[in-house]
Amino acid sequence: MGDDAITLSLSTGDPCGAFTITIRRVPDDADSPLAGRLLLHLPYPDQPMPHDQLHPLHPGTFVIGRPAPATRTHLTAA
């Protein structure tokens, strides 16, 4: 049986490469409590082709790379 997965690569023109995620379906007949479920894979820093660090901004949203500043700054007109 083949792999039931899809990989999505998003590139913003960053010379470090694309941001890649994979969604994989565990076969219904797998001997696992995850049978029939979907898994989301995000490369992490210890993998050979990791993404930059992910820092939570708010639930479901992350800053990629350096964490967001702790305080907000307001821009004023010159």
PDB file of N, CA and C in Angstrom:
ATOM      1  N   MET A   1       0.844  -1.185   0.000  1.00  0.00           N
ATOM      2  CA  MET A   1       0.000   0.000   0.000  1.00  0.00           C
ATOM      3  C   MET A   1       0.886   1.243   0.000  1.00  0.00           C
ATOM      4  N   GLY A   2       0.520   2.254  -0.785  1.00  0.00           N
ATOM      5  CA  GLY A   2       1.304   3.467  -0.867  1.00  0.00           C
ATOM      6  C   GLY A   2       1.052   4.387   0.312  1.00  0.00           C
ATOM      7  N   ASP A   3       1.874   5.395   0.394  1.00  0.00           N
ATOM      8  CA  ASP A   3       1.758   6.389   1.468  1.00  0.00           C
ATOM      9  C   ASP A   3       0.588   7.309   1.163  1.00  0.00           C
ATOM     10  N   ASP A   4      -0.307   7.499   2.115  1.00  0.00           N
ATOM     11  CA  ASP A   4      -1.454   8.375   1.962  1.00  0.00           C
ATOM     12  C   ASP A   4      -1.113   9.701   2.624  1.00  0.00           C
ATOM     13  N   ALA A   5      -0.357  10.541   1.900  1.00  0.00           N
ATOM     14  CA  ALA A   5       0.108  11.800   2.473  1.00  0.00           C
ATOM     15  C   ALA A   5       0.195  12.858   1.388  1.00  0.00           C
ATOM     16  N   ILE A   6       0.151  14.104   1.831  1.00  0.00           N
ATOM     17  CA  ILE A   6       0.374  15.224   0.933  1.00  0.00           C
ATOM     18  C   ILE A   6       1.341  16.173   1.621  1.00  0.00           C
ATOM     19  N   THR A   7       2.270  16.725   0.842  1.00  0.00           N
ATOM     20  CA  THR A   7       3.235  17.681   1.375  1.00  0.00           C
ATOM     21  C   THR A   7       3.016  19.012   0.659  1.00  0.00           C
ATOM     22  N   LEU A   8       2.987  20.066   1.436  1.00  0.00           N
ATOM     23  CA  LEU A   8       2.804  21.410   0.925  1.00  0.00           C
ATOM     24  C   LEU A   8       4.052  22.220   1.248  1.00  0.00           C
ATOM     25  N   SER A   9       4.622  22.856   0.244  1.00  0.00           N
ATOM     26  CA  SER A   9       5.782  23.731   0.451  1.00  0.00           C
ATOM     27  C   SER A   9       5.388  25.149   0.076  1.00  0.00           C
ATOM     28  N   LEU A  10       5.568  26.069   1.011  1.00  0.00           N
ATOM     29  CA  LEU A  10       5.257  27.480   0.798  1.00  0.00           C
ATOM     30  C   LEU A  10       6.553  28.271   0.793  1.00  0.00           C
ATOM     31  N   SER A  11       6.746  29.060  -0.239  1.00  0.00           N
ATOM     32  CA  SER A  11       7.953  29.870  -0.312  1.00  0.00           C
ATOM     33  C   SER A  11       7.578  31.335  -0.438  1.00  0.00           C
ATOM     34  N   THR A  12       8.273  32.162   0.335  1.00  0.00           N
ATOM     35  CA  THR A  12       8.074  33.608   0.251  1.00  0.00           C
ATOM     36  C   THR A  12       9.291  34.279  -0.379  1.00  0.00           C
ATOM     37  N   GLY A  13      10.110  33.476  -1.053  1.00  0.00           N
ATOM     38  CA  GLY A  13      11.319  34.009  -1.650  1.00  0.00           C
ATOM     39  C   GLY A  13      12.480  34.072  -0.677  1.00  0.00           C
ATOM     40  N   ASP A  14      12.320  33.512   0.498  1.00  0.00           N
ATOM     41  CA  ASP A  14      13.387  33.479   1.506  1.00  0.00           C
ATOM     42  C   ASP A  14      14.511  32.578   0.999  1.00  0.00           C
ATOM     43  N   PRO A  15      15.757  33.049   1.004  1.00  0.00           N
ATOM     44  CA  PRO A  15      16.867  32.222   0.512  1.00  0.00           C
ATOM     45  C   PRO A  15      17.093  30.964   1.354  1.00  0.00           C
ATOM     46  N   CYS A  16      16.507  30.891   2.549  1.00  0.00           N
ATOM     47  CA  CYS A  16      16.654  29.691   3.390  1.00  0.00           C
ATOM     48  C   CYS A  16      15.780  28.554   2.901  1.00  0.00           C
ATOM     49  N   GLY A  17      14.859  28.810   1.978  1.00  0.00           N
ATOM     50  CA  GLY A  17      14.008  27.761   1.434  1.00  0.00           C
ATOM     51  C   GLY A  17      12.550  27.938   1.796  1.00  0.00           C
ATOM     52  N   ALA A  18      11.781  26.894   1.512  1.00  0.00           N
ATOM     53  CA  ALA A  18      10.340  26.931   1.712  1.00  0.00           C
ATOM     54  C   ALA A  18       9.962  26.379   3.085  1.00  0.00           C
ATOM     55  N   PHE A  19       8.780  26.755   3.551  1.00  0.00           N
ATOM     56  CA  PHE A  19       8.200  26.202   4.767  1.00  0.00           C
ATOM     57  C   PHE A  19       7.373  25.007   4.322  1.00  0.00           C
ATOM     58  N   THR A  20       7.652  23.826   4.845  1.00  0.00           N
ATOM     59  CA  THR A  20       7.023  22.600   4.386  1.00  0.00           C
ATOM     60  C   THR A  20       6.255  21.918   5.508  1.00  0.00           C
ATOM     61  N   ILE A  21       5.025  21.505   5.199  1.00  0.00           N
ATOM     62  CA  ILE A  21       4.233  20.706   6.132  1.00  0.00           C
ATOM     63  C   ILE A  21       3.753  19.465   5.384  1.00  0.00           C
ATOM     64  N   THR A  22       3.547  18.393   6.118  1.00  0.00           N
ATOM     65  CA  THR A  22       3.014  17.159   5.544  1.00  0.00           C
ATOM     66  C   THR A  22       1.817  16.722   6.371  1.00  0.00           C
ATOM     67  N   ILE A  23       0.750  16.333   5.684  1.00  0.00           N
ATOM     68  CA  ILE A  23      -0.411  15.745   6.347  1.00  0.00           C
ATOM     69  C   ILE A  23      -0.489  14.300   5.875  1.00  0.00           C
ATOM     70  N   ARG A  24      -0.526  13.388   6.833  1.00  0.00           N
ATOM     71  CA  ARG A  24      -0.519  11.951   6.535  1.00  0.00           C
ATOM     72  C   ARG A  24      -1.715  11.299   7.197  1.00  0.00           C
ATOM     73  N   ARG A  25      -2.392  10.417   6.467  1.00  0.00           N
ATOM     74  CA  ARG A  25      -3.524   9.672   7.015  1.00  0.00           C
ATOM     75  C   ARG A  25      -3.025   8.306   7.444  1.00  0.00           C
ATOM     76  N   VAL A  26      -3.287   7.943   8.691  1.00  0.00           N
ATOM     77  CA  VAL A  26      -2.943   6.616   9.201  1.00  0.00           C
ATOM     78  C   VAL A  26      -3.991   5.648   8.648  1.00  0.00           C
ATOM     79  N   PRO A  27      -3.562   4.548   8.021  1.00  0.00           N
ATOM     80  CA  PRO A  27      -4.531   3.614   7.432  1.00  0.00           C
ATOM     81  C   PRO A  27      -5.568   3.130   8.453  1.00  0.00           C
ATOM     82  N   ASP A  28      -6.795   2.914   7.972  1.00  0.00           N
ATOM     83  CA  ASP A  28      -7.881   2.447   8.839  1.00  0.00           C
ATOM     84  C   ASP A  28      -7.545   1.136   9.536  1.00  0.00           C
ATOM     85  N   ASP A  29      -6.782   0.261   8.859  1.00  0.00           N
ATOM     86  CA  ASP A  29      -6.480  -1.060   9.418  1.00  0.00           C
ATOM     87  C   ASP A  29      -5.166  -1.093  10.202  1.00  0.00           C
ATOM     88  N   ALA A  30      -4.587   0.076  10.480  1.00  0.00           N
ATOM     89  CA  ALA A  30      -3.344   0.121  11.252  1.00  0.00           C
ATOM     90  C   ALA A  30      -3.593  -0.367  12.672  1.00  0.00           C
ATOM     91  N   ASP A  31      -2.616  -1.078  13.220  1.00  0.00           N
ATOM     92  CA  ASP A  31      -2.719  -1.549  14.600  1.00  0.00           C
ATOM     93  C   ASP A  31      -2.267  -0.410  15.519  1.00  0.00           C
ATOM     94  N   SER A  32      -3.129   0.596  15.615  1.00  0.00           N
ATOM     95  CA  SER A  32      -2.789   1.808  16.358  1.00  0.00           C
ATOM     96  C   SER A  32      -4.068   2.516  16.774  1.00  0.00           C
ATOM     97  N   PRO A  33      -4.044   3.196  17.919  1.00  0.00           N
ATOM     98  CA  PRO A  33      -5.212   4.009  18.275  1.00  0.00           C
ATOM     99  C   PRO A  33      -5.393   5.201  17.335  1.00  0.00           C
ATOM    100  N   LEU A  34      -4.396   5.457  16.481  1.00  0.00           N
ATOM    101  CA  LEU A  34      -4.479   6.560  15.518  1.00  0.00           C
ATOM    102  C   LEU A  34      -5.042   6.121  14.170  1.00  0.00           C
ATOM    103  N   ALA A  35      -5.466   4.862  14.039  1.00  0.00           N
ATOM    104  CA  ALA A  35      -5.997   4.350  12.771  1.00  0.00           C
ATOM    105  C   ALA A  35      -7.104   5.272  12.260  1.00  0.00           C
ATOM    106  N   GLY A  36      -6.998   5.639  10.982  1.00  0.00           N
ATOM    107  CA  GLY A  36      -7.994   6.492  10.351  1.00  0.00           C
ATOM    108  C   GLY A  36      -7.864   7.970  10.664  1.00  0.00           C
ATOM    109  N   ARG A  37      -6.874   8.352  11.465  1.00  0.00           N
ATOM    110  CA  ARG A  37      -6.701   9.762  11.855  1.00  0.00           C
ATOM    111  C   ARG A  37      -5.715  10.460  10.928  1.00  0.00           C
ATOM    112  N   LEU A  38      -5.752  11.794  10.929  1.00  0.00           N
ATOM    113  CA  LEU A  38      -4.804  12.608  10.174  1.00  0.00           C
ATOM    114  C   LEU A  38      -3.717  13.108  11.109  1.00  0.00           C
ATOM    115  N   LEU A  39      -2.471  13.072  10.627  1.00  0.00           N
ATOM    116  CA  LEU A  39      -1.327  13.584  11.389  1.00  0.00           C
ATOM    117  C   LEU A  39      -0.716  14.751  10.625  1.00  0.00           C
ATOM    118  N   LEU A  40      -0.334  15.788  11.341  1.00  0.00           N
ATOM    119  CA  LEU A  40       0.317  16.959  10.754  1.00  0.00           C
ATOM    120  C   LEU A  40       1.779  16.935  11.186  1.00  0.00           C
ATOM    121  N   HIS A  41       2.680  16.943  10.218  1.00  0.00           N
ATOM    122  CA  HIS A  41       4.123  16.912  10.498  1.00  0.00           C
ATOM    123  C   HIS A  41       4.741  18.263  10.154  1.00  0.00           C
ATOM    124  N   LEU A  42       5.454  18.843  11.106  1.00  0.00           N
ATOM    125  CA  LEU A  42       6.233  20.061  10.892  1.00  0.00           C
ATOM    126  C   LEU A  42       7.682  19.743  11.231  1.00  0.00           C
ATOM    127  N   PRO A  43       8.616  19.966  10.308  1.00  0.00           N
ATOM    128  CA  PRO A  43      10.020  19.745  10.669  1.00  0.00           C
ATOM    129  C   PRO A  43      10.395  20.593  11.873  1.00  0.00           C
ATOM    130  N   TYR A  44      11.287  20.075  12.692  1.00  0.00           N
ATOM    131  CA  TYR A  44      11.692  20.764  13.906  1.00  0.00           C
ATOM    132  C   TYR A  44      13.214  20.860  13.940  1.00  0.00           C
ATOM    133  N   PRO A  45      13.776  21.693  14.828  1.00  0.00           N
ATOM    134  CA  PRO A  45      15.204  22.013  14.782  1.00  0.00           C
ATOM    135  C   PRO A  45      16.178  20.848  14.787  1.00  0.00           C
ATOM    136  N   ASP A  46      15.858  19.684  15.338  1.00  0.00           N
ATOM    137  CA  ASP A  46      16.815  18.580  15.353  1.00  0.00           C
ATOM    138  C   ASP A  46      16.773  17.725  14.090  1.00  0.00           C
ATOM    139  N   GLN A  47      15.884  18.011  13.147  1.00  0.00           N
ATOM    140  CA  GLN A  47      15.802  17.242  11.914  1.00  0.00           C
ATOM    141  C   GLN A  47      16.824  17.765  10.905  1.00  0.00           C
ATOM    142  N   PRO A  48      17.155  16.937   9.888  1.00  0.00           N
ATOM    143  CA  PRO A  48      18.145  17.369   8.901  1.00  0.00           C
ATOM    144  C   PRO A  48      17.752  18.625   8.123  1.00  0.00           C
ATOM    145  N   MET A  49      16.467  18.807   7.806  1.00  0.00           N
ATOM    146  CA  MET A  49      16.017  19.988   7.064  1.00  0.00           C
ATOM    147  C   MET A  49      14.973  20.727   7.906  1.00  0.00           C
ATOM    148  N   PRO A  50      15.393  21.331   9.039  1.00  0.00           N
ATOM    149  CA  PRO A  50      14.422  21.920   9.958  1.00  0.00           C
ATOM    150  C   PRO A  50      13.891  23.267   9.477  1.00  0.00           C
ATOM    151  N   HIS A  51      12.755  23.637  10.035  1.00  0.00           N
ATOM    152  CA  HIS A  51      12.282  25.014   9.891  1.00  0.00           C
ATOM    153  C   HIS A  51      13.024  25.816  10.941  1.00  0.00           C
ATOM    154  N   ASP A  52      12.929  27.110  10.807  1.00  0.00           N
ATOM    155  CA  ASP A  52      13.412  27.987  11.861  1.00  0.00           C
ATOM    156  C   ASP A  52      12.550  27.739  13.095  1.00  0.00           C
ATOM    157  N   GLN A  53      12.980  28.206  14.236  1.00  0.00           N
ATOM    158  CA  GLN A  53      12.199  28.071  15.464  1.00  0.00           C
ATOM    159  C   GLN A  53      10.805  28.664  15.263  1.00  0.00           C
ATOM    160  N   LEU A  54       9.788  28.024  15.858  1.00  0.00           N
ATOM    161  CA  LEU A  54       8.429  28.555  15.847  1.00  0.00           C
ATOM    162  C   LEU A  54       8.117  29.099  17.230  1.00  0.00           C
ATOM    163  N   HIS A  55       7.652  30.332  17.300  1.00  0.00           N
ATOM    164  CA  HIS A  55       7.329  30.979  18.572  1.00  0.00           C
ATOM    165  C   HIS A  55       5.841  31.338  18.567  1.00  0.00           C
ATOM    166  N   PRO A  56       5.065  30.836  19.551  1.00  0.00           N
ATOM    167  CA  PRO A  56       3.632  31.127  19.575  1.00  0.00           C
ATOM    168  C   PRO A  56       3.370  32.626  19.689  1.00  0.00           C
ATOM    169  N   LEU A  57       2.507  33.124  18.828  1.00  0.00           N
ATOM    170  CA  LEU A  57       2.070  34.516  18.911  1.00  0.00           C
ATOM    171  C   LEU A  57       0.722  34.553  19.637  1.00  0.00           C
ATOM    172  N   HIS A  58      -0.212  33.721  19.188  1.00  0.00           N
ATOM    173  CA  HIS A  58      -1.478  33.450  19.867  1.00  0.00           C
ATOM    174  C   HIS A  58      -1.945  32.094  19.362  1.00  0.00           C
ATOM    175  N   PRO A  59      -2.979  31.487  19.945  1.00  0.00           N
ATOM    176  CA  PRO A  59      -3.352  30.127  19.564  1.00  0.00           C
ATOM    177  C   PRO A  59      -3.500  29.955  18.050  1.00  0.00           C
ATOM    178  N   GLY A  60      -2.730  29.017  17.509  1.00  0.00           N
ATOM    179  CA  GLY A  60      -2.791  28.719  16.086  1.00  0.00           C
ATOM    180  C   GLY A  60      -1.926  29.589  15.200  1.00  0.00           C
ATOM    181  N   THR A  61      -1.230  30.572  15.759  1.00  0.00           N
ATOM    182  CA  THR A  61      -0.373  31.473  14.982  1.00  0.00           C
ATOM    183  C   THR A  61       1.012  31.513  15.603  1.00  0.00           C
ATOM    184  N   PHE A  62       2.029  31.390  14.739  1.00  0.00           N
ATOM    185  CA  PHE A  62       3.419  31.361  15.200  1.00  0.00           C
ATOM    186  C   PHE A  62       4.247  32.376  14.433  1.00  0.00           C
ATOM    187  N   VAL A  63       5.269  32.886  15.080  1.00  0.00           N
ATOM    188  CA  VAL A  63       6.291  33.695  14.428  1.00  0.00           C
ATOM    189  C   VAL A  63       7.415  32.727  14.071  1.00  0.00           C
ATOM    190  N   ILE A  64       7.876  32.770  12.822  1.00  0.00           N
ATOM    191  CA  ILE A  64       8.965  31.901  12.379  1.00  0.00           C
ATOM    192  C   ILE A  64      10.265  32.677  12.528  1.00  0.00           C
ATOM    193  N   GLY A  65      11.237  32.070  13.207  1.00  0.00           N
ATOM    194  CA  GLY A  65      12.527  32.726  13.418  1.00  0.00           C
ATOM    195  C   GLY A  65      12.579  33.405  14.767  1.00  0.00           C
ATOM    196  N   ARG A  66      13.077  34.645  14.787  1.00  0.00           N
ATOM    197  CA  ARG A  66      13.179  35.381  16.052  1.00  0.00           C
ATOM    198  C   ARG A  66      11.811  35.563  16.672  1.00  0.00           C
ATOM    199  N   PRO A  67      11.701  35.463  18.008  1.00  0.00           N
ATOM    200  CA  PRO A  67      10.400  35.691  18.646  1.00  0.00           C
ATOM    201  C   PRO A  67       9.952  37.141  18.475  1.00  0.00           C
ATOM    202  N   ALA A  68       8.653  37.337  18.542  1.00  0.00           N
ATOM    203  CA  ALA A  68       8.101  38.693  18.448  1.00  0.00           C
ATOM    204  C   ALA A  68       8.528  39.491  19.672  1.00  0.00           C
ATOM    205  N   PRO A  69       8.705  40.796  19.541  1.00  0.00           N
ATOM    206  CA  PRO A  69       9.059  41.617  20.704  1.00  0.00           C
ATOM    207  C   PRO A  69       7.985  41.491  21.787  1.00  0.00           C
ATOM    208  N   ALA A  70       8.404  41.588  23.035  1.00  0.00           N
ATOM    209  CA  ALA A  70       7.483  41.455  24.166  1.00  0.00           C
ATOM    210  C   ALA A  70       6.555  42.655  24.264  1.00  0.00           C
ATOM    211  N   THR A  71       7.010  43.818  23.830  1.00  0.00           N
ATOM    212  CA  THR A  71       6.188  45.019  23.894  1.00  0.00           C
ATOM    213  C   THR A  71       5.957  45.522  22.488  1.00  0.00           C
ATOM    214  N   ARG A  72       4.829  46.147  22.307  1.00  0.00           N
ATOM    215  CA  ARG A  72       4.519  46.720  20.993  1.00  0.00           C
ATOM    216  C   ARG A  72       5.079  48.126  20.914  1.00  0.00           C
ATOM    217  N   THR A  73       5.574  48.476  19.771  1.00  0.00           N
ATOM    218  CA  THR A  73       6.020  49.850  19.562  1.00  0.00           C
ATOM    219  C   THR A  73       5.054  50.530  18.605  1.00  0.00           C
ATOM    220  N   HIS A  74       4.834  51.783  18.794  1.00  0.00           N
ATOM    221  CA  HIS A  74       3.937  52.540  17.931  1.00  0.00           C
ATOM    222  C   HIS A  74       4.776  53.471  17.070  1.00  0.00           C
ATOM    223  N   LEU A  75       4.495  53.485  15.790  1.00  0.00           N
ATOM    224  CA  LEU A  75       5.191  54.376  14.889  1.00  0.00           C
ATOM    225  C   LEU A  75       4.475  55.718  14.872  1.00  0.00           C
ATOM    226  N   THR A  76       5.247  56.774  14.852  1.00  0.00           N
ATOM    227  CA  THR A  76       4.660  58.117  14.780  1.00  0.00           C
ATOM    228  C   THR A  76       5.182  58.796  13.519  1.00  0.00           C
ATOM    229  N   ALA A  77       4.392  59.691  12.987  1.00  0.00           N
ATOM    230  CA  ALA A  77       4.810  60.427  11.789  1.00  0.00           C
ATOM    231  C   ALA A  77       5.990  61.320  12.131  1.00  0.00           C
ATOM    232  N   ALA A  78       6.891  61.456  11.166  1.00  0.00           N
ATOM    233  CA  ALA A  78       8.084  62.299  11.386  1.00  0.00           C
ATOM    234  C   ALA A  78       7.760  63.756  11.252  1.00  0.00           C
TER     235      ALA A  78
END
